[in-house]
């Protein structure tokens, strides 16, 4: 999967949060999260999903193609690299 990535600001100190623009919506992305702890909240005006794995937190709006990923401060570089390798290798 091709994606665009940009650092995003967050209110938490030492937060390593990045925004990813995907070629699919969040609804199409959720089934790719095999092995992740995924929660979907359909009750909101704009339904969202949250996913966690190895300290990496991913969230997005189901109808949009933007997701935000937060990485653990103590190993953010390796987790970000692993996430992007996985993301780039997914078939869409």
PDB file of N, CA and C in Angstrom:
ATOM      1  N   UNK A   1       0.848  -1.167   0.000  1.00  0.00           N
ATOM      2  CA  UNK A   1       0.000   0.000   0.000  1.00  0.00           C
ATOM      3  C   UNK A   1       0.898   1.235   0.000  1.00  0.00           C
ATOM      4  N   UNK A   2       0.550   2.180  -0.836  1.00  0.00           N
ATOM      5  CA  UNK A   2       1.274   3.448  -0.845  1.00  0.00           C
ATOM      6  C   UNK A   2       0.624   4.371   0.180  1.00  0.00           C
ATOM      7  N   UNK A   3       1.451   5.196   0.819  1.00  0.00           N
ATOM      8  CA  UNK A   3       0.941   6.113   1.829  1.00  0.00           C
ATOM      9  C   UNK A   3       1.827   7.348   1.898  1.00  0.00           C
ATOM     10  N   UNK A   4       1.268   8.415   2.436  1.00  0.00           N
ATOM     11  CA  UNK A   4       2.033   9.631   2.712  1.00  0.00           C
ATOM     12  C   UNK A   4       2.049   9.809   4.224  1.00  0.00           C
ATOM     13  N   UNK A   5       3.186  10.241   4.751  1.00  0.00           N
ATOM     14  CA  UNK A   5       3.346  10.357   6.198  1.00  0.00           C
ATOM     15  C   UNK A   5       3.826  11.755   6.556  1.00  0.00           C
ATOM     16  N   UNK A   6       3.282  12.287   7.659  1.00  0.00           N
ATOM     17  CA  UNK A   6       3.709  13.595   8.161  1.00  0.00           C
ATOM     18  C   UNK A   6       3.636  13.590   9.684  1.00  0.00           C
ATOM     19  N   UNK A   7       4.612  14.211  10.332  1.00  0.00           N
ATOM     20  CA  UNK A   7       4.598  14.356  11.788  1.00  0.00           C
ATOM     21  C   UNK A   7       3.442  15.271  12.154  1.00  0.00           C
ATOM     22  N   UNK A   8       2.741  14.921  13.208  1.00  0.00           N
ATOM     23  CA  UNK A   8       1.627  15.746  13.653  1.00  0.00           C
ATOM     24  C   UNK A   8       1.846  16.159  15.098  1.00  0.00           C
ATOM     25  N   UNK A   9       1.359  17.312  15.425  1.00  0.00           N
ATOM     26  CA  UNK A   9       1.503  17.809  16.792  1.00  0.00           C
ATOM     27  C   UNK A   9       0.478  17.137  17.696  1.00  0.00           C
ATOM     28  N   UNK A  10       0.862  16.989  18.945  1.00  0.00           N
ATOM     29  CA  UNK A  10       0.018  16.358  19.927  1.00  0.00           C
ATOM     30  C   UNK A  10       0.193  17.109  21.236  1.00  0.00           C
ATOM     31  N   UNK A  11      -0.782  17.058  22.101  1.00  0.00           N
ATOM     32  CA  UNK A  11      -0.706  17.792  23.366  1.00  0.00           C
ATOM     33  C   UNK A  11       0.154  17.086  24.416  1.00  0.00           C
ATOM     34  N   UNK A  12       0.588  15.868  24.149  1.00  0.00           N
ATOM     35  CA  UNK A  12       1.372  15.120  25.119  1.00  0.00           C
ATOM     36  C   UNK A  12       2.865  15.336  24.894  1.00  0.00           C
ATOM     37  N   UNK A  13       3.603  15.532  25.967  1.00  0.00           N
ATOM     38  CA  UNK A  13       5.052  15.713  25.879  1.00  0.00           C
ATOM     39  C   UNK A  13       5.702  14.436  25.363  1.00  0.00           C
ATOM     40  N   UNK A  14       6.739  14.581  24.570  1.00  0.00           N
ATOM     41  CA  UNK A  14       7.494  13.445  24.006  1.00  0.00           C
ATOM     42  C   UNK A  14       6.633  12.507  23.174  1.00  0.00           C
ATOM     43  N   UNK A  15       5.545  13.015  22.646  1.00  0.00           N
ATOM     44  CA  UNK A  15       4.667  12.187  21.827  1.00  0.00           C
ATOM     45  C   UNK A  15       5.242  12.051  20.424  1.00  0.00           C
ATOM     46  N   UNK A  16       5.246  10.858  19.922  1.00  0.00           N
ATOM     47  CA  UNK A  16       5.697  10.588  18.566  1.00  0.00           C
ATOM     48  C   UNK A  16       4.479  10.134  17.774  1.00  0.00           C
ATOM     49  N   UNK A  17       3.749  11.096  17.235  1.00  0.00           N
ATOM     50  CA  UNK A  17       2.519  10.815  16.517  1.00  0.00           C
ATOM     51  C   UNK A  17       2.659  11.270  15.075  1.00  0.00           C
ATOM     52  N   UNK A  18       2.260  10.394  14.167  1.00  0.00           N
ATOM     53  CA  UNK A  18       2.356  10.666  12.732  1.00  0.00           C
ATOM     54  C   UNK A  18       1.009  10.424  12.085  1.00  0.00           C
ATOM     55  N   UNK A  19       0.736  11.204  11.052  1.00  0.00           N
ATOM     56  CA  UNK A  19      -0.499  11.066  10.293  1.00  0.00           C
ATOM     57  C   UNK A  19      -0.168  10.398   8.964  1.00  0.00           C
ATOM     58  N   UNK A  20      -0.976   9.426   8.594  1.00  0.00           N
ATOM     59  CA  UNK A  20      -0.780   8.676   7.348  1.00  0.00           C
ATOM     60  C   UNK A  20      -2.004   8.849   6.455  1.00  0.00           C
ATOM     61  N   UNK A  21      -1.746   9.249   5.232  1.00  0.00           N
ATOM     62  CA  UNK A  21      -2.823   9.335   4.237  1.00  0.00           C
ATOM     63  C   UNK A  21      -2.765   8.046   3.423  1.00  0.00           C
ATOM     64  N   UNK A  22      -3.876   7.317   3.413  1.00  0.00           N
ATOM     65  CA  UNK A  22      -3.943   6.000   2.785  1.00  0.00           C
ATOM     66  C   UNK A  22      -4.800   6.045   1.522  1.00  0.00           C
ATOM     67  N   UNK A  23      -4.642   5.049   0.645  1.00  0.00           N
ATOM     68  CA  UNK A  23      -5.502   4.972  -0.543  1.00  0.00           C
ATOM     69  C   UNK A  23      -6.847   4.298  -0.258  1.00  0.00           C
ATOM     70  N   UNK A  24      -7.099   3.968   1.012  1.00  0.00           N
ATOM     71  CA  UNK A  24      -8.350   3.307   1.419  1.00  0.00           C
ATOM     72  C   UNK A  24      -8.948   4.051   2.605  1.00  0.00           C
ATOM     73  N   UNK A  25     -10.221   3.837   2.853  1.00  0.00           N
ATOM     74  CA  UNK A  25     -10.869   4.425   4.022  1.00  0.00           C
ATOM     75  C   UNK A  25     -10.541   3.597   5.265  1.00  0.00           C
ATOM     76  N   UNK A  26     -10.858   4.161   6.412  1.00  0.00           N
ATOM     77  CA  UNK A  26     -10.671   3.430   7.657  1.00  0.00           C
ATOM     78  C   UNK A  26     -11.462   2.137   7.684  1.00  0.00           C
ATOM     79  N   UNK A  27     -12.658   2.169   7.101  1.00  0.00           N
ATOM     80  CA  UNK A  27     -13.491   0.968   7.051  1.00  0.00           C
ATOM     81  C   UNK A  27     -12.816  -0.150   6.257  1.00  0.00           C
ATOM     82  N   UNK A  28     -12.124   0.199   5.197  1.00  0.00           N
ATOM     83  CA  UNK A  28     -11.395  -0.786   4.389  1.00  0.00           C
ATOM     84  C   UNK A  28     -10.077  -1.182   5.044  1.00  0.00           C
ATOM     85  N   UNK A  29      -9.539  -0.313   5.893  1.00  0.00           N
ATOM     86  CA  UNK A  29      -8.263  -0.565   6.559  1.00  0.00           C
ATOM     87  C   UNK A  29      -8.399  -1.513   7.744  1.00  0.00           C
ATOM     88  N   UNK A  30      -9.496  -1.416   8.486  1.00  0.00           N
ATOM     89  CA  UNK A  30      -9.689  -2.219   9.696  1.00  0.00           C
ATOM     90  C   UNK A  30      -9.500  -3.722   9.455  1.00  0.00           C
ATOM     91  N   UNK A  31     -10.028  -4.321   8.373  1.00  0.00           N
ATOM     92  CA  UNK A  31      -9.817  -5.761   8.172  1.00  0.00           C
ATOM     93  C   UNK A  31      -8.342  -6.154   7.989  1.00  0.00           C
ATOM     94  N   UNK A  32      -7.490  -5.208   7.648  1.00  0.00           N
ATOM     95  CA  UNK A  32      -6.066  -5.495   7.479  1.00  0.00           C
ATOM     96  C   UNK A  32      -5.337  -5.609   8.810  1.00  0.00           C
ATOM     97  N   UNK A  33      -5.983  -5.227   9.897  1.00  0.00           N
ATOM     98  CA  UNK A  33      -5.353  -5.176  11.214  1.00  0.00           C
ATOM     99  C   UNK A  33      -5.417  -6.509  11.957  1.00  0.00           C
ATOM    100  N   UNK A  34      -5.138  -7.579  11.271  1.00  0.00           N
ATOM    101  CA  UNK A  34      -5.106  -8.902  11.889  1.00  0.00           C
ATOM    102  C   UNK A  34      -3.970  -8.942  12.915  1.00  0.00           C
ATOM    103  N   UNK A  35      -4.269  -9.420  14.113  1.00  0.00           N
ATOM    104  CA  UNK A  35      -3.269  -9.483  15.172  1.00  0.00           C
ATOM    105  C   UNK A  35      -3.238  -8.237  16.046  1.00  0.00           C
ATOM    106  N   UNK A  36      -3.994  -7.231  15.711  1.00  0.00           N
ATOM    107  CA  UNK A  36      -4.104  -6.013  16.496  1.00  0.00           C
ATOM    108  C   UNK A  36      -5.347  -6.111  17.383  1.00  0.00           C
ATOM    109  N   UNK A  37      -5.331  -5.424  18.516  1.00  0.00           N
ATOM    110  CA  UNK A  37      -6.526  -5.278  19.350  1.00  0.00           C
ATOM    111  C   UNK A  37      -7.295  -4.100  18.773  1.00  0.00           C
ATOM    112  N   UNK A  38      -8.417  -4.379  18.115  1.00  0.00           N
ATOM    113  CA  UNK A  38      -9.180  -3.352  17.399  1.00  0.00           C
ATOM    114  C   UNK A  38     -10.523  -3.123  18.083  1.00  0.00           C
ATOM    115  N   UNK A  39     -10.860  -1.843  18.230  1.00  0.00           N
ATOM    116  CA  UNK A  39     -12.165  -1.452  18.759  1.00  0.00           C
ATOM    117  C   UNK A  39     -12.787  -0.481  17.755  1.00  0.00           C
ATOM    118  N   UNK A  40     -14.046  -0.698  17.460  1.00  0.00           N
ATOM    119  CA  UNK A  40     -14.783   0.182  16.554  1.00  0.00           C
ATOM    120  C   UNK A  40     -15.937   0.783  17.337  1.00  0.00           C
ATOM    121  N   UNK A  41     -16.105   2.094  17.224  1.00  0.00           N
ATOM    122  CA  UNK A  41     -17.208   2.770  17.890  1.00  0.00           C
ATOM    123  C   UNK A  41     -18.127   3.350  16.819  1.00  0.00           C
ATOM    124  N   UNK A  42     -19.244   2.681  16.593  1.00  0.00           N
ATOM    125  CA  UNK A  42     -20.225   3.093  15.585  1.00  0.00           C
ATOM    126  C   UNK A  42     -21.222   4.112  16.136  1.00  0.00           C
ATOM    127  N   UNK A  43     -21.185   4.362  17.452  1.00  0.00           N
ATOM    128  CA  UNK A  43     -22.196   5.210  18.075  1.00  0.00           C
ATOM    129  C   UNK A  43     -21.931   6.702  17.897  1.00  0.00           C
ATOM    130  N   UNK A  44     -20.754   7.053  17.475  1.00  0.00           N
ATOM    131  CA  UNK A  44     -20.426   8.462  17.296  1.00  0.00           C
ATOM    132  C   UNK A  44     -20.984   8.997  15.981  1.00  0.00           C
ATOM    133  N   UNK A  45     -21.098  10.303  15.895  1.00  0.00           N
ATOM    134  CA  UNK A  45     -21.582  10.931  14.662  1.00  0.00           C
ATOM    135  C   UNK A  45     -20.679  10.561  13.493  1.00  0.00           C
ATOM    136  N   UNK A  46     -19.385  10.511  13.753  1.00  0.00           N
ATOM    137  CA  UNK A  46     -18.418  10.037  12.756  1.00  0.00           C
ATOM    138  C   UNK A  46     -17.735   8.800  13.353  1.00  0.00           C
ATOM    139  N   UNK A  47     -18.209   7.592  13.029  1.00  0.00           N
ATOM    140  CA  UNK A  47     -17.670   6.364  13.624  1.00  0.00           C
ATOM    141  C   UNK A  47     -16.149   6.254  13.456  1.00  0.00           C
ATOM    142  N   UNK A  48     -15.491   5.744  14.499  1.00  0.00           N
ATOM    143  CA  UNK A  48     -14.030   5.657  14.543  1.00  0.00           C
ATOM    144  C   UNK A  48     -13.576   4.244  14.864  1.00  0.00           C
ATOM    145  N   UNK A  49     -12.272   4.016  14.653  1.00  0.00           N
ATOM    146  CA  UNK A  49     -11.653   2.780  15.107  1.00  0.00           C
ATOM    147  C   UNK A  49     -10.390   3.126  15.875  1.00  0.00           C
ATOM    148  N   UNK A  50     -10.019   2.246  16.794  1.00  0.00           N
ATOM    149  CA  UNK A  50      -8.785   2.343  17.563  1.00  0.00           C
ATOM    150  C   UNK A  50      -8.135   0.971  17.512  1.00  0.00           C
ATOM    151  N   UNK A  51      -6.825   0.938  17.320  1.00  0.00           N
ATOM    152  CA  UNK A  51      -6.109  -0.334  17.262  1.00  0.00           C
ATOM    153  C   UNK A  51      -4.808  -0.208  18.047  1.00  0.00           C
ATOM    154  N   UNK A  52      -4.433  -1.277  18.754  1.00  0.00           N
ATOM    155  CA  UNK A  52      -3.218  -1.287  19.570  1.00  0.00           C
ATOM    156  C   UNK A  52      -2.437  -2.576  19.319  1.00  0.00           C
ATOM    157  N   UNK A  53      -1.110  -2.415  19.252  1.00  0.00           N
ATOM    158  CA  UNK A  53      -0.227  -3.581  19.136  1.00  0.00           C
ATOM    159  C   UNK A  53       1.190  -3.137  19.481  1.00  0.00           C
ATOM    160  N   UNK A  54       1.820  -3.827  20.421  1.00  0.00           N
ATOM    161  CA  UNK A  54       3.205  -3.551  20.818  1.00  0.00           C
ATOM    162  C   UNK A  54       3.437  -2.097  21.211  1.00  0.00           C
ATOM    163  N   UNK A  55       2.455  -1.467  21.825  1.00  0.00           N
ATOM    164  CA  UNK A  55       2.601  -0.077  22.243  1.00  0.00           C
ATOM    165  C   UNK A  55       2.321   0.941  21.156  1.00  0.00           C
ATOM    166  N   UNK A  56       2.021   0.471  19.959  1.00  0.00           N
ATOM    167  CA  UNK A  56       1.665   1.361  18.855  1.00  0.00           C
ATOM    168  C   UNK A  56       0.152   1.522  18.869  1.00  0.00           C
ATOM    169  N   UNK A  57      -0.312   2.763  18.830  1.00  0.00           N
ATOM    170  CA  UNK A  57      -1.742   3.063  18.827  1.00  0.00           C
ATOM    171  C   UNK A  57      -2.103   3.719  17.501  1.00  0.00           C
ATOM    172  N   UNK A  58      -3.110   3.164  16.842  1.00  0.00           N
ATOM    173  CA  UNK A  58      -3.579   3.685  15.561  1.00  0.00           C
ATOM    174  C   UNK A  58      -5.053   4.033  15.714  1.00  0.00           C
ATOM    175  N   UNK A  59      -5.430   5.196  15.186  1.00  0.00           N
ATOM    176  CA  UNK A  59      -6.842   5.575  15.239  1.00  0.00           C
ATOM    177  C   UNK A  59      -7.212   6.311  13.969  1.00  0.00           C
ATOM    178  N   UNK A  60      -8.492   6.226  13.639  1.00  0.00           N
ATOM    179  CA  UNK A  60      -8.972   6.909  12.452  1.00  0.00           C
ATOM    180  C   UNK A  60     -10.481   6.920  12.392  1.00  0.00           C
ATOM    181  N   UNK A  61     -10.990   7.743  11.508  1.00  0.00           N
ATOM    182  CA  UNK A  61     -12.419   7.818  11.247  1.00  0.00           C
ATOM    183  C   UNK A  61     -12.724   6.831  10.127  1.00  0.00           C
ATOM    184  N   UNK A  62     -13.736   6.009  10.309  1.00  0.00           N
ATOM    185  CA  UNK A  62     -14.019   4.934   9.361  1.00  0.00           C
ATOM    186  C   UNK A  62     -14.275   5.431   7.937  1.00  0.00           C
ATOM    187  N   UNK A  63     -14.851   6.604   7.780  1.00  0.00           N
ATOM    188  CA  UNK A  63     -15.203   7.087   6.444  1.00  0.00           C
ATOM    189  C   UNK A  63     -14.087   7.895   5.773  1.00  0.00           C
ATOM    190  N   UNK A  64     -12.951   8.067   6.448  1.00  0.00           N
ATOM    191  CA  UNK A  64     -11.863   8.868   5.891  1.00  0.00           C
ATOM    192  C   UNK A  64     -10.622   8.026   5.622  1.00  0.00           C
ATOM    193  N   UNK A  65      -9.702   8.602   4.850  1.00  0.00           N
ATOM    194  CA  UNK A  65      -8.483   7.868   4.505  1.00  0.00           C
ATOM    195  C   UNK A  65      -7.261   8.367   5.272  1.00  0.00           C
ATOM    196  N   UNK A  66      -7.464   9.030   6.395  1.00  0.00           N
ATOM    197  CA  UNK A  66      -6.367   9.467   7.259  1.00  0.00           C
ATOM    198  C   UNK A  66      -6.394   8.673   8.552  1.00  0.00           C
ATOM    199  N   UNK A  67      -5.204   8.226   8.970  1.00  0.00           N
ATOM    200  CA  UNK A  67      -5.070   7.581  10.272  1.00  0.00           C
ATOM    201  C   UNK A  67      -3.950   8.279  11.025  1.00  0.00           C
ATOM    202  N   UNK A  68      -3.985   8.172  12.348  1.00  0.00           N
ATOM    203  CA  UNK A  68      -2.906   8.684  13.186  1.00  0.00           C
ATOM    204  C   UNK A  68      -2.322   7.515  13.949  1.00  0.00           C
ATOM    205  N   UNK A  69      -1.001   7.458  13.963  1.00  0.00           N
ATOM    206  CA  UNK A  69      -0.303   6.402  14.685  1.00  0.00           C
ATOM    207  C   UNK A  69       0.622   7.041  15.707  1.00  0.00           C
ATOM    208  N   UNK A  70       0.534   6.574  16.948  1.00  0.00           N
ATOM    209  CA  UNK A  70       1.410   7.037  18.021  1.00  0.00           C
ATOM    210  C   UNK A  70       2.323   5.890  18.412  1.00  0.00           C
ATOM    211  N   UNK A  71       3.593   6.225  18.587  1.00  0.00           N
ATOM    212  CA  UNK A  71       4.606   5.215  18.871  1.00  0.00           C
ATOM    213  C   UNK A  71       5.193   5.437  20.261  1.00  0.00           C
ATOM    214  N   UNK A  72       5.606   4.358  20.951  1.00  0.00           N
ATOM    215  CA  UNK A  72       6.163   4.487  22.296  1.00  0.00           C
ATOM    216  C   UNK A  72       7.428   5.356  22.269  1.00  0.00           C
ATOM    217  N   UNK A  73       7.537   6.272  23.227  1.00  0.00           N
ATOM    218  CA  UNK A  73       8.645   7.234  23.252  1.00  0.00           C
ATOM    219  C   UNK A  73      10.019   6.566  23.313  1.00  0.00           C
ATOM    220  N   UNK A  74      10.138   5.463  24.042  1.00  0.00           N
ATOM    221  CA  UNK A  74      11.456   4.849  24.234  1.00  0.00           C
ATOM    222  C   UNK A  74      11.947   4.033  23.042  1.00  0.00           C
ATOM    223  N   UNK A  75      11.069   3.714  22.097  1.00  0.00           N
ATOM    224  CA  UNK A  75      11.495   2.936  20.919  1.00  0.00           C
ATOM    225  C   UNK A  75      10.704   3.337  19.671  1.00  0.00           C
ATOM    226  N   UNK A  76      10.393   4.615  19.576  1.00  0.00           N
ATOM    227  CA  UNK A  76       9.520   5.083  18.505  1.00  0.00           C
ATOM    228  C   UNK A  76      10.113   4.865  17.121  1.00  0.00           C
ATOM    229  N   UNK A  77      11.428   5.035  16.970  1.00  0.00           N
ATOM    230  CA  UNK A  77      12.021   4.912  15.641  1.00  0.00           C
ATOM    231  C   UNK A  77      11.888   3.497  15.087  1.00  0.00           C
ATOM    232  N   UNK A  78      12.176   2.502  15.914  1.00  0.00           N
ATOM    233  CA  UNK A  78      12.084   1.111  15.442  1.00  0.00           C
ATOM    234  C   UNK A  78      10.632   0.692  15.223  1.00  0.00           C
ATOM    235  N   UNK A  79       9.725   1.131  16.106  1.00  0.00           N
ATOM    236  CA  UNK A  79       8.311   0.784  15.933  1.00  0.00           C
ATOM    237  C   UNK A  79       7.719   1.483  14.710  1.00  0.00           C
ATOM    238  N   UNK A  80       8.105   2.729  14.467  1.00  0.00           N
ATOM    239  CA  UNK A  80       7.627   3.455  13.290  1.00  0.00           C
ATOM    240  C   UNK A  80       8.122   2.777  12.020  1.00  0.00           C
ATOM    241  N   UNK A  81       9.394   2.393  11.997  1.00  0.00           N
ATOM    242  CA  UNK A  81       9.963   1.704  10.830  1.00  0.00           C
ATOM    243  C   UNK A  81       9.242   0.375  10.585  1.00  0.00           C
ATOM    244  N   UNK A  82       8.983  -0.380  11.653  1.00  0.00           N
ATOM    245  CA  UNK A  82       8.283  -1.661  11.514  1.00  0.00           C
ATOM    246  C   UNK A  82       6.847  -1.453  11.032  1.00  0.00           C
ATOM    247  N   UNK A  83       6.165  -0.435  11.556  1.00  0.00           N
ATOM    248  CA  UNK A  83       4.798  -0.142  11.144  1.00  0.00           C
ATOM    249  C   UNK A  83       4.754   0.235   9.664  1.00  0.00           C
ATOM    250  N   UNK A  84       5.675   1.086   9.237  1.00  0.00           N
ATOM    251  CA  UNK A  84       5.691   1.520   7.843  1.00  0.00           C
ATOM    252  C   UNK A  84       6.077   0.385   6.893  1.00  0.00           C
ATOM    253  N   UNK A  85       6.941  -0.508   7.347  1.00  0.00           N
ATOM    254  CA  UNK A  85       7.282  -1.685   6.532  1.00  0.00           C
ATOM    255  C   UNK A  85       6.038  -2.557   6.372  1.00  0.00           C
ATOM    256  N   UNK A  86       5.330  -2.800   7.466  1.00  0.00           N
ATOM    257  CA  UNK A  86       4.092  -3.583   7.413  1.00  0.00           C
ATOM    258  C   UNK A  86       3.056  -2.897   6.532  1.00  0.00           C
ATOM    259  N   UNK A  87       2.875  -1.593   6.738  1.00  0.00           N
ATOM    260  CA  UNK A  87       1.875  -0.836   5.982  1.00  0.00           C
ATOM    261  C   UNK A  87       2.193  -0.869   4.483  1.00  0.00           C
ATOM    262  N   UNK A  88       3.447  -0.701   4.134  1.00  0.00           N
ATOM    263  CA  UNK A  88       3.857  -0.731   2.729  1.00  0.00           C
ATOM    264  C   UNK A  88       3.693  -2.092   2.093  1.00  0.00           C
ATOM    265  N   UNK A  89       3.708  -3.146   2.913  1.00  0.00           N
ATOM    266  CA  UNK A  89       3.591  -4.496   2.384  1.00  0.00           C
ATOM    267  C   UNK A  89       2.170  -5.031   2.308  1.00  0.00           C
ATOM    268  N   UNK A  90       1.207  -4.258   2.784  1.00  0.00           N
ATOM    269  CA  UNK A  90      -0.182  -4.726   2.731  1.00  0.00           C
ATOM    270  C   UNK A  90      -0.726  -4.539   1.325  1.00  0.00           C
ATOM    271  N   UNK A  91      -1.514  -5.502   0.905  1.00  0.00           N
ATOM    272  CA  UNK A  91      -2.121  -5.463  -0.432  1.00  0.00           C
ATOM    273  C   UNK A  91      -3.498  -4.809  -0.363  1.00  0.00           C
ATOM    274  N   UNK A  92      -3.692  -3.839  -1.206  1.00  0.00           N
ATOM    275  CA  UNK A  92      -4.996  -3.179  -1.268  1.00  0.00           C
ATOM    276  C   UNK A  92      -5.397  -3.051  -2.712  1.00  0.00           C
TER     277      UNK A  92
END
